[in-house]
Amino acid sequence: MASPGKKSFLLRVDPALWEEIERLAAQELRSVNAQVEYLLREALARRGRQPAPKAPREKPPPG
């Protein structure tokens, strides 16, 4: 199940590429999903493209 505010989609990846992503994720203490998102953001930044910043979530009032 996807986290609120996250888009989920199916991605088919070459098994050798997937193994490298898994290895890198483990080295950087990230989940594979977080690693893929990190790599995508890094690739966008290299191309001068940045996603819009997330709006801060409002905290419910105390009580």
N, C-alpha and C. Protein backbone atom coordinates (compact mmCIF):
# COMPACT_ATOMS: atom_id res chain seq x y z
N MET A 1 0.85 -1.19 0.00
CA MET A 1 0.00 0.00 0.00
C MET A 1 0.89 1.25 0.00
N ALA A 2 0.55 2.20 -0.83
CA ALA A 2 1.35 3.42 -0.94
C ALA A 2 1.07 4.35 0.24
N SER A 3 2.08 5.12 0.59
CA SER A 3 1.92 6.12 1.64
C SER A 3 1.01 7.23 1.14
N PRO A 4 0.32 7.91 2.04
CA PRO A 4 -0.52 9.04 1.60
C PRO A 4 0.32 10.08 0.85
N GLY A 5 -0.17 10.55 -0.24
CA GLY A 5 0.54 11.55 -1.01
C GLY A 5 1.60 11.00 -1.94
N LYS A 6 1.75 9.70 -2.00
CA LYS A 6 2.74 9.08 -2.89
C LYS A 6 2.01 8.37 -4.02
N LYS A 7 2.55 8.46 -5.20
CA LYS A 7 2.02 7.79 -6.38
C LYS A 7 2.69 6.44 -6.50
N SER A 8 1.91 5.39 -6.71
CA SER A 8 2.51 4.07 -6.91
C SER A 8 2.35 3.67 -8.37
N PHE A 9 3.33 2.90 -8.86
CA PHE A 9 3.28 2.42 -10.24
C PHE A 9 4.16 1.20 -10.38
N LEU A 10 3.89 0.40 -11.38
CA LEU A 10 4.67 -0.79 -11.65
C LEU A 10 5.87 -0.41 -12.50
N LEU A 11 7.04 -0.93 -12.14
CA LEU A 11 8.26 -0.63 -12.88
C LEU A 11 8.97 -1.95 -13.18
N ARG A 12 9.20 -2.20 -14.44
CA ARG A 12 9.96 -3.38 -14.84
C ARG A 12 11.41 -2.98 -15.05
N VAL A 13 12.31 -3.71 -14.37
CA VAL A 13 13.72 -3.37 -14.38
C VAL A 13 14.54 -4.62 -14.67
N ASP A 14 15.59 -4.45 -15.44
CA ASP A 14 16.52 -5.54 -15.70
C ASP A 14 17.03 -6.09 -14.36
N PRO A 15 17.07 -7.41 -14.18
CA PRO A 15 17.50 -7.99 -12.91
C PRO A 15 18.89 -7.55 -12.45
N ALA A 16 19.83 -7.39 -13.36
CA ALA A 16 21.17 -6.94 -12.97
C ALA A 16 21.14 -5.51 -12.43
N LEU A 17 20.33 -4.66 -13.05
CA LEU A 17 20.18 -3.28 -12.58
C LEU A 17 19.54 -3.27 -11.20
N TRP A 18 18.52 -4.10 -11.02
CA TRP A 18 17.82 -4.18 -9.72
C TRP A 18 18.80 -4.61 -8.62
N GLU A 19 19.66 -5.59 -8.91
CA GLU A 19 20.63 -6.04 -7.91
C GLU A 19 21.57 -4.91 -7.50
N GLU A 20 21.99 -4.10 -8.47
CA GLU A 20 22.88 -2.97 -8.14
C GLU A 20 22.14 -1.93 -7.30
N ILE A 21 20.88 -1.68 -7.61
CA ILE A 21 20.10 -0.73 -6.82
C ILE A 21 19.92 -1.26 -5.39
N GLU A 22 19.64 -2.55 -5.26
CA GLU A 22 19.52 -3.16 -3.93
C GLU A 22 20.83 -3.02 -3.15
N ARG A 23 21.94 -3.29 -3.80
CA ARG A 23 23.26 -3.20 -3.16
C ARG A 23 23.53 -1.77 -2.70
N LEU A 24 23.28 -0.82 -3.58
CA LEU A 24 23.50 0.59 -3.25
C LEU A 24 22.58 1.04 -2.11
N ALA A 25 21.33 0.62 -2.16
CA ALA A 25 20.39 0.97 -1.09
C ALA A 25 20.87 0.45 0.26
N ALA A 26 21.34 -0.78 0.29
CA ALA A 26 21.85 -1.35 1.54
C ALA A 26 23.06 -0.57 2.05
N GLN A 27 23.97 -0.19 1.14
CA GLN A 27 25.16 0.56 1.54
C GLN A 27 24.79 1.93 2.10
N GLU A 28 23.72 2.54 1.55
CA GLU A 28 23.33 3.89 1.96
C GLU A 28 22.21 3.88 2.98
N LEU A 29 21.91 2.68 3.52
CA LEU A 29 20.90 2.51 4.57
C LEU A 29 19.54 3.07 4.16
N ARG A 30 19.13 2.76 2.93
CA ARG A 30 17.82 3.16 2.42
C ARG A 30 17.07 1.92 1.98
N SER A 31 15.75 2.03 1.91
CA SER A 31 14.97 0.98 1.27
C SER A 31 15.21 1.08 -0.24
N VAL A 32 14.91 0.03 -0.96
CA VAL A 32 15.07 0.08 -2.41
C VAL A 32 14.16 1.17 -2.98
N ASN A 33 12.94 1.27 -2.47
CA ASN A 33 12.02 2.31 -2.95
C ASN A 33 12.60 3.70 -2.73
N ALA A 34 13.13 3.95 -1.53
CA ALA A 34 13.73 5.26 -1.24
C ALA A 34 14.95 5.50 -2.12
N GLN A 35 15.71 4.44 -2.41
CA GLN A 35 16.88 4.59 -3.26
C GLN A 35 16.48 4.96 -4.68
N VAL A 36 15.45 4.31 -5.22
CA VAL A 36 14.98 4.63 -6.57
C VAL A 36 14.51 6.08 -6.62
N GLU A 37 13.74 6.51 -5.60
CA GLU A 37 13.27 7.90 -5.56
C GLU A 37 14.46 8.86 -5.47
N TYR A 38 15.47 8.53 -4.66
CA TYR A 38 16.66 9.36 -4.54
C TYR A 38 17.38 9.49 -5.89
N LEU A 39 17.56 8.36 -6.57
CA LEU A 39 18.24 8.37 -7.86
C LEU A 39 17.46 9.18 -8.90
N LEU A 40 16.14 9.08 -8.88
CA LEU A 40 15.33 9.86 -9.81
C LEU A 40 15.46 11.36 -9.53
N ARG A 41 15.42 11.73 -8.25
CA ARG A 41 15.58 13.15 -7.90
C ARG A 41 16.97 13.66 -8.28
N GLU A 42 17.99 12.83 -8.06
CA GLU A 42 19.35 13.19 -8.42
C GLU A 42 19.47 13.40 -9.94
N ALA A 43 18.86 12.52 -10.72
CA ALA A 43 18.89 12.64 -12.19
C ALA A 43 18.16 13.91 -12.64
N LEU A 44 17.03 14.22 -12.03
CA LEU A 44 16.31 15.44 -12.37
C LEU A 44 17.14 16.68 -12.05
N ALA A 45 17.79 16.67 -10.90
CA ALA A 45 18.62 17.82 -10.50
C ALA A 45 19.76 18.03 -11.50
N ARG A 46 20.38 16.95 -11.96
CA ARG A 46 21.46 17.08 -12.95
C ARG A 46 20.95 17.70 -14.24
N ARG A 47 19.70 17.50 -14.55
CA ARG A 47 19.11 18.08 -15.76
C ARG A 47 18.49 19.45 -15.52
N GLY A 48 18.63 19.95 -14.29
CA GLY A 48 18.09 21.26 -13.97
C GLY A 48 16.59 21.26 -13.76
N ARG A 49 16.04 20.11 -13.45
CA ARG A 49 14.59 19.99 -13.23
C ARG A 49 14.37 19.60 -11.78
N GLN A 50 13.57 20.34 -11.08
CA GLN A 50 13.26 20.04 -9.69
C GLN A 50 11.76 19.91 -9.51
N PRO A 51 11.30 18.88 -8.80
CA PRO A 51 9.87 18.81 -8.51
C PRO A 51 9.47 19.94 -7.57
N ALA A 52 8.22 20.32 -7.62
CA ALA A 52 7.73 21.38 -6.74
C ALA A 52 7.90 20.93 -5.29
N PRO A 53 8.28 21.85 -4.40
CA PRO A 53 8.43 21.47 -3.00
C PRO A 53 7.10 21.03 -2.40
N LYS A 54 7.18 20.11 -1.47
CA LYS A 54 5.97 19.63 -0.79
C LYS A 54 5.44 20.70 0.14
N ALA A 55 4.13 20.84 0.18
CA ALA A 55 3.52 21.75 1.14
C ALA A 55 3.62 21.12 2.53
N PRO A 56 3.96 21.91 3.55
CA PRO A 56 4.06 21.33 4.89
C PRO A 56 2.70 20.83 5.37
N ARG A 57 2.72 19.69 6.04
CA ARG A 57 1.47 19.14 6.56
C ARG A 57 1.08 19.90 7.81
N GLU A 58 -0.21 20.16 7.94
CA GLU A 58 -0.69 20.84 9.14
C GLU A 58 -0.83 19.83 10.27
N LYS A 59 -0.43 20.25 11.46
CA LYS A 59 -0.57 19.41 12.64
C LYS A 59 -1.96 19.63 13.23
N PRO A 60 -2.58 18.56 13.71
CA PRO A 60 -3.90 18.74 14.32
C PRO A 60 -3.76 19.54 15.62
N PRO A 61 -4.79 20.28 16.00
CA PRO A 61 -4.71 21.06 17.24
C PRO A 61 -4.56 20.12 18.44
N PRO A 62 -3.83 20.55 19.47
CA PRO A 62 -3.65 19.69 20.65
C PRO A 62 -4.98 19.42 21.35
N GLY A 63 -5.04 18.24 21.95
CA GLY A 63 -6.21 17.93 22.77
C GLY A 63 -7.04 16.93 22.25
